[in-house]
Amino acid sequence: MALLLTEQDVRDLASMEDAIGALESAHKSQGAGRAVNDPRRRLRAPHGAVAIMPGGDAETGYLGFKTAFYAAGAVHVLLYDMNERKLAAIVQANWLGTLRTGAASGVATKYMARETEGQTVGIIGTGTQARTQVTAVCAVRNVSRVLAYGRDENRRQAFAESISERAGVPVELVDNGQAAGEADIVIAATNASSPVLEGAWLKPGAHVNAIGSNSLLRRELDMEAVTRADAIVVDDREQTALESGDLQEPIERGIVDLARLPELGDVIAGGESVRRSDNDITLFESHGIGLWDVALATHVYRAAVAQERGNEVDI
């Protein structure tokens, strides 16, 4: 019997702190060679497209994959118990995907951003993904205010109200990306096809989380934003090669050596900061990997079993 877990189950059973802990542990396992990830595969057809994202962690004993059928907005994680050799759960994963993407930036910020009091967060993009991004950063750093820029006025206002309530941090709506890009911690959370964050805006010591460039057709950072980075960390090198619109040109021109870029798991397992000084600019290129989905689905499944949540199905 497998557990069927709904979107509401995920919301009830996983907090941002839970998600950050799950992803941090998964990346530590990955850095130690105990967790595996395979890049996202997209299959396109005339009337729809599906993506498959596998991953697994020997530390927890679970592996599986996320599937996303974009035409219907149907997103699920199939979670397998390696020890019991069974399908453990089918998890509805729209919110899970949004939560884990924010949590990954929280983990990266924890290990890469400076630790100072009263930091300012700048966010470019004020959609659903932006909310979990800021919430995650506020969970790992002392944030005094958020500077938010987005093109849609109604979404900007809704974002400000949501973050003020969730994180207890004042949000200032700004008129352009530069105002947000001059913060201590800068987040680009858009689906832009041309740069929305310029390297000239970044101040010494800034940390950048770039989450929207998960396709070679998308690009959030200009060349200077990449070349000014003293340290660049990726979630998965193989997926970076296939998807990173931000890094494609720097890699092709020999400015960035993909083979030498550390994965987030390397940073966590190694226990050494990627910063050499407080003035270093650091960049986390986030593409979204299946290991994250499996890690968070594992937490949700375990919590559901402990609290007797979910519906058993015979498959």
Protein backbone atom coordinates (compact mmCIF):
# COMPACT_ATOMS: atom_id res chain seq x y z
CA MET A 1 0.00 0.00 0.00
CA ALA A 2 1.21 3.49 -0.86
CA LEU A 3 0.18 6.77 0.73
CA LEU A 4 -1.50 9.37 -1.45
CA LEU A 5 -0.60 12.81 -0.09
CA THR A 6 -2.37 15.95 -1.30
CA GLU A 7 -1.32 19.55 -1.69
CA GLN A 8 -2.96 20.30 1.65
CA ASP A 9 -0.99 17.51 3.31
CA VAL A 10 2.24 19.04 2.02
CA ARG A 11 1.27 22.50 3.29
CA ASP A 12 0.34 21.11 6.70
CA LEU A 13 3.34 18.82 7.14
CA ALA A 14 6.29 20.87 5.82
CA SER A 15 7.40 24.29 7.01
CA MET A 16 10.15 26.35 5.44
CA GLU A 17 12.46 25.29 8.25
CA ASP A 18 11.62 21.65 7.53
CA ALA A 19 12.38 22.14 3.84
CA ILE A 20 15.70 23.86 4.50
CA GLY A 21 16.74 21.04 6.83
CA ALA A 22 15.74 18.35 4.33
CA LEU A 23 17.61 19.95 1.44
CA GLU A 24 20.68 20.73 3.51
CA SER A 25 20.91 17.07 4.56
CA ALA A 26 20.36 15.89 0.97
CA HIS A 27 23.12 18.12 -0.36
CA LYS A 28 25.47 16.98 2.38
CA SER A 29 24.79 13.40 1.29
CA GLN A 30 25.36 14.39 -2.32
CA GLY A 31 28.70 15.98 -1.46
CA ALA A 32 29.71 12.81 0.38
CA GLY A 33 28.72 10.61 -2.56
CA ARG A 34 25.70 9.14 -0.79
CA ALA A 35 22.99 10.87 -2.81
CA VAL A 36 22.38 10.80 -6.54
CA ASN A 37 20.67 13.12 -8.99
CA ASP A 38 19.91 12.89 -12.68
CA PRO A 39 19.22 16.02 -14.74
CA ARG A 40 15.71 17.03 -15.67
CA ARG A 41 14.51 15.51 -18.91
CA ARG A 42 11.83 17.32 -20.90
CA LEU A 43 9.71 15.49 -23.46
CA ARG A 44 7.74 17.74 -25.78
CA ALA A 45 4.78 16.72 -27.90
CA PRO A 46 2.35 18.71 -30.10
CA HIS A 47 -0.20 19.18 -27.32
CA GLY A 48 1.89 19.15 -24.15
CA ALA A 49 5.19 18.53 -22.45
CA VAL A 50 6.30 16.43 -19.52
CA ALA A 51 9.41 16.69 -17.34
CA ILE A 52 10.98 13.94 -15.27
CA MET A 53 13.43 14.63 -12.41
CA PRO A 54 14.97 11.65 -10.54
CA GLY A 55 17.00 11.62 -7.34
CA GLY A 56 17.75 9.51 -4.30
CA ASP A 57 19.54 9.54 -0.97
CA ALA A 58 21.08 6.46 0.64
CA GLU A 59 21.17 8.27 3.98
CA THR A 60 17.38 8.40 4.17
CA GLY A 61 16.77 5.23 2.18
CA TYR A 62 14.42 6.85 -0.34
CA LEU A 63 14.60 7.52 -4.04
CA GLY A 64 12.10 8.56 -6.66
CA PHE A 65 11.27 11.15 -9.25
CA LYS A 66 9.08 14.14 -9.87
CA THR A 67 6.90 14.30 -12.96
CA ALA A 68 5.36 17.49 -14.29
CA PHE A 69 2.74 17.60 -17.05
CA TYR A 70 2.74 21.31 -17.81
CA ALA A 71 -0.45 21.44 -19.89
CA ALA A 72 -2.56 20.32 -16.92
CA GLY A 73 -0.42 21.69 -14.10
CA ALA A 74 -0.14 18.13 -12.79
CA VAL A 75 2.99 17.69 -10.67
CA HIS A 76 3.69 14.60 -8.54
CA VAL A 77 6.55 12.89 -6.73
CA LEU A 78 6.69 9.10 -6.71
CA LEU A 79 8.66 8.10 -3.65
CA TYR A 80 10.19 4.63 -3.24
CA ASP A 81 11.49 3.02 -0.05
CA MET A 82 14.81 1.38 -0.91
CA ASN A 83 14.92 -0.73 2.24
CA GLU A 84 11.34 -2.02 2.04
CA ARG A 85 11.53 -2.16 -1.76
CA LYS A 86 8.14 -0.61 -2.29
CA LEU A 87 6.33 2.44 -3.59
CA ALA A 88 5.94 4.46 -0.39
CA ALA A 89 3.98 7.50 -1.54
CA ILE A 90 2.52 9.53 -4.37
CA VAL A 91 2.78 13.18 -3.41
CA GLN A 92 1.05 16.08 -5.13
CA ALA A 93 3.91 18.48 -5.63
CA ASN A 94 2.97 21.94 -6.93
CA TRP A 95 3.49 23.59 -3.54
CA LEU A 96 6.30 21.16 -2.70
CA GLY A 97 8.18 22.39 -5.77
CA THR A 98 7.76 26.03 -4.83
CA LEU A 99 8.77 25.37 -1.24
CA ARG A 100 11.88 23.38 -2.10
CA THR A 101 13.08 26.01 -4.58
CA GLY A 102 12.94 28.65 -1.88
CA ALA A 103 14.57 26.32 0.63
CA ALA A 104 17.50 25.67 -1.71
CA SER A 105 18.25 29.39 -1.81
CA GLY A 106 17.98 29.41 1.96
CA VAL A 107 20.62 26.67 2.18
CA ALA A 108 22.89 28.44 -0.31
CA THR A 109 22.50 31.73 1.57
CA LYS A 110 23.35 30.00 4.87
CA TYR A 111 26.66 28.75 3.47
CA MET A 112 27.59 31.57 1.10
CA ALA A 113 26.26 34.94 2.32
CA ARG A 114 27.99 37.09 4.92
CA GLU A 115 26.75 36.88 8.50
CA THR A 116 26.01 40.43 9.56
CA GLU A 117 23.17 42.08 11.43
CA GLY A 118 20.35 43.93 9.69
CA GLN A 119 20.96 42.80 6.13
CA THR A 120 18.89 44.04 3.22
CA VAL A 121 17.37 41.60 0.73
CA GLY A 122 16.62 42.71 -2.81
CA ILE A 123 14.22 40.69 -4.94
CA ILE A 124 13.63 41.10 -8.68
CA GLY A 125 10.38 39.35 -9.51
CA THR A 126 7.37 39.22 -7.19
CA GLY A 127 5.51 36.07 -8.23
CA THR A 128 4.80 32.92 -6.22
CA GLN A 129 8.40 31.70 -6.33
CA ALA A 130 9.66 35.03 -4.99
CA ARG A 131 7.70 34.62 -1.76
CA THR A 132 9.37 31.38 -0.71
CA GLN A 133 12.74 32.79 -1.78
CA VAL A 134 12.52 35.70 0.62
CA THR A 135 10.95 33.60 3.38
CA ALA A 136 13.86 31.15 3.16
CA VAL A 137 16.54 33.83 3.25
CA CYS A 138 14.87 35.46 6.26
CA ALA A 139 14.96 32.07 8.00
CA VAL A 140 18.78 31.87 7.79
CA ARG A 141 19.92 35.49 8.01
CA ASN A 142 19.11 38.54 10.13
CA VAL A 143 17.13 40.64 7.63
CA SER A 144 16.01 44.16 8.44
CA ARG A 145 14.14 45.00 5.22
CA VAL A 146 13.25 43.74 1.77
CA LEU A 147 13.46 45.80 -1.43
CA ALA A 148 11.10 44.37 -4.05
CA TYR A 149 10.77 45.10 -7.75
CA GLY A 150 8.33 43.51 -10.17
CA ARG A 151 6.63 44.70 -13.31
CA ASP A 152 3.05 44.00 -12.20
CA GLU A 153 1.81 46.53 -9.64
CA ASN A 154 -0.89 44.30 -8.16
CA ARG A 155 1.52 41.40 -7.71
CA ARG A 156 4.07 43.70 -6.12
CA GLN A 157 1.54 44.85 -3.55
CA ALA A 158 0.32 41.33 -2.82
CA PHE A 159 3.92 40.19 -2.43
CA ALA A 160 4.70 42.97 0.05
CA GLU A 161 1.68 42.14 2.19
CA SER A 162 2.47 38.42 2.15
CA ILE A 163 6.14 38.78 3.11
CA SER A 164 5.42 41.32 5.83
CA GLU A 165 2.99 38.84 7.36
CA ARG A 166 5.06 35.66 6.87
CA ALA A 167 8.53 36.90 7.72
CA GLY A 168 7.73 39.90 9.89
CA VAL A 169 10.07 42.06 7.81
CA PRO A 170 9.14 45.41 6.26
CA VAL A 171 8.95 45.41 2.46
CA GLU A 172 9.72 48.48 0.38
CA LEU A 173 8.48 48.47 -3.20
CA VAL A 174 11.07 50.00 -5.52
CA ASP A 175 10.73 51.36 -9.04
CA ASN A 176 13.50 49.45 -10.81
CA GLY A 177 15.76 46.44 -10.66
CA GLN A 178 18.83 48.48 -9.80
CA ALA A 179 17.38 49.52 -6.44
CA ALA A 180 16.84 45.86 -5.56
CA GLY A 181 20.17 44.82 -7.06
CA GLU A 182 22.16 46.99 -4.66
CA ALA A 183 21.12 44.95 -1.59
CA ASP A 184 23.28 42.69 0.59
CA ILE A 185 21.48 39.57 -0.63
CA VAL A 186 20.02 39.75 -4.12
CA ILE A 187 17.50 37.32 -5.59
CA ALA A 188 16.51 37.07 -9.24
CA ALA A 189 13.24 35.15 -9.48
CA THR A 190 11.88 35.73 -12.98
CA ASN A 191 11.27 33.89 -16.23
CA ALA A 192 13.17 36.54 -18.20
CA SER A 193 14.86 35.75 -21.49
CA SER A 194 17.23 38.73 -21.20
CA PRO A 195 19.13 40.00 -18.13
CA VAL A 196 17.24 41.70 -15.31
CA LEU A 197 20.23 41.96 -12.94
CA GLU A 198 23.36 43.86 -13.96
CA GLY A 199 26.73 43.22 -12.39
CA ALA A 200 27.41 46.94 -12.12
CA TRP A 201 24.67 47.17 -9.49
CA LEU A 202 26.20 44.62 -7.13
CA LYS A 203 28.07 45.97 -4.14
CA PRO A 204 31.15 44.32 -2.60
CA GLY A 205 30.18 41.44 -0.34
CA ALA A 206 26.83 40.77 -2.00
CA HIS A 207 25.40 37.29 -2.36
CA VAL A 208 23.17 36.48 -5.35
CA ASN A 209 20.61 33.69 -5.69
CA ALA A 210 19.59 33.34 -9.36
CA ILE A 211 16.72 30.88 -9.75
CA GLY A 212 14.98 31.60 -13.06
CA SER A 213 17.55 30.48 -15.64
CA ASN A 214 16.59 26.80 -15.85
CA SER A 215 16.57 26.83 -19.64
CA LEU A 216 19.10 27.93 -22.23
CA LEU A 217 16.41 30.31 -23.48
CA ARG A 218 16.25 32.13 -20.12
CA ARG A 219 18.78 34.55 -18.73
CA GLU A 220 18.55 36.76 -15.64
CA LEU A 221 22.18 37.91 -15.22
CA ASP A 222 24.32 39.96 -17.56
CA MET A 223 27.93 38.98 -18.25
CA GLU A 224 29.31 41.38 -15.65
CA ALA A 225 27.18 39.84 -12.90
CA VAL A 226 28.83 36.51 -13.64
CA THR A 227 32.38 37.79 -14.08
CA ARG A 228 32.23 39.87 -10.88
CA ALA A 229 31.38 36.80 -8.85
CA ASP A 230 34.38 35.63 -6.83
CA ALA A 231 32.67 32.30 -6.18
CA ILE A 232 29.99 30.55 -8.25
CA VAL A 233 28.19 27.50 -6.87
CA VAL A 234 25.64 25.37 -8.75
CA ASP A 235 23.10 22.80 -7.62
CA ASP A 236 24.22 20.15 -10.14
CA ARG A 237 26.95 20.52 -12.76
CA GLU A 238 25.36 18.18 -15.30
CA GLN A 239 22.04 20.00 -15.12
CA THR A 240 23.88 23.33 -15.33
CA ALA A 241 25.43 22.27 -18.64
CA LEU A 242 21.99 21.44 -20.04
CA GLU A 243 19.97 24.35 -18.69
CA SER A 244 21.87 27.38 -17.44
CA GLY A 245 21.10 30.32 -19.68
CA ASP A 246 23.03 32.55 -17.27
CA LEU A 247 26.25 30.55 -17.56
CA GLN A 248 26.01 29.29 -21.14
CA GLU A 249 27.89 32.19 -22.73
CA PRO A 250 30.57 32.48 -20.02
CA ILE A 251 31.19 28.73 -20.28
CA GLU A 252 31.37 28.78 -24.10
CA ARG A 253 33.79 31.74 -24.01
CA GLY A 254 36.04 30.04 -21.48
CA ILE A 255 35.35 32.63 -18.78
CA VAL A 256 33.76 30.02 -16.50
CA ASP A 257 35.11 26.47 -16.22
CA LEU A 258 32.08 24.31 -15.50
CA ALA A 259 34.22 21.36 -14.41
CA ARG A 260 35.69 23.46 -11.60
CA LEU A 261 32.43 24.92 -10.31
CA PRO A 262 31.55 23.44 -6.91
CA GLU A 263 28.11 21.99 -6.34
CA LEU A 264 26.25 23.08 -3.24
CA GLY A 265 26.78 19.59 -1.83
CA ASP A 266 30.57 20.03 -2.15
CA VAL A 267 30.40 23.24 -0.13
CA ILE A 268 28.30 21.69 2.66
CA ALA A 269 30.21 18.40 2.86
CA GLY A 270 33.57 20.19 2.67
CA GLY A 271 32.77 22.47 5.58
CA GLU A 272 34.78 25.36 4.15
CA SER A 273 33.42 28.75 3.15
CA VAL A 274 33.65 29.75 -0.50
CA ARG A 275 34.33 33.29 0.69
CA ARG A 276 37.89 34.51 1.02
CA SER A 277 36.82 37.91 2.34
CA ASP A 278 33.74 39.89 3.30
CA ASN A 279 34.08 41.81 0.04
CA ASP A 280 33.70 38.73 -2.15
CA ILE A 281 30.62 38.56 -4.36
CA THR A 282 29.08 35.08 -4.35
CA LEU A 283 26.59 33.57 -6.78
CA PHE A 284 24.33 30.53 -6.44
CA GLU A 285 22.92 29.32 -9.76
CA SER A 286 19.77 27.36 -8.96
CA HIS A 287 18.12 25.25 -11.64
CA GLY A 288 15.95 22.93 -9.54
CA ILE A 289 16.90 19.27 -9.18
CA GLY A 290 15.03 16.06 -8.50
CA LEU A 291 17.06 15.35 -5.35
CA TRP A 292 15.33 18.34 -3.72
CA ASP A 293 11.88 16.99 -4.53
CA VAL A 294 12.70 13.54 -3.21
CA ALA A 295 14.27 14.98 -0.04
CA LEU A 296 11.24 17.11 0.80
CA ALA A 297 8.78 14.39 -0.23
CA THR A 298 10.62 12.06 2.18
CA HIS A 299 10.08 14.53 5.03
CA VAL A 300 6.40 14.89 4.14
CA TYR A 301 5.92 11.12 3.92
CA ARG A 302 7.58 10.46 7.27
CA ALA A 303 5.54 13.19 8.93
CA ALA A 304 2.35 11.80 7.37
CA VAL A 305 3.07 8.32 8.72
CA ALA A 306 3.79 9.74 12.20
CA GLN A 307 0.56 11.78 12.19
CA GLU A 308 -1.55 9.18 10.35
CA ARG A 309 -2.23 11.50 7.43
CA GLY A 310 -2.93 10.60 3.82
CA ASN A 311 -4.98 7.93 2.08
CA GLU A 312 -3.68 4.44 1.44
CA VAL A 313 -3.98 3.20 -2.12
CA ASP A 314 -3.33 -0.28 -3.46
CA ILE A 315 -1.09 0.05 -6.50
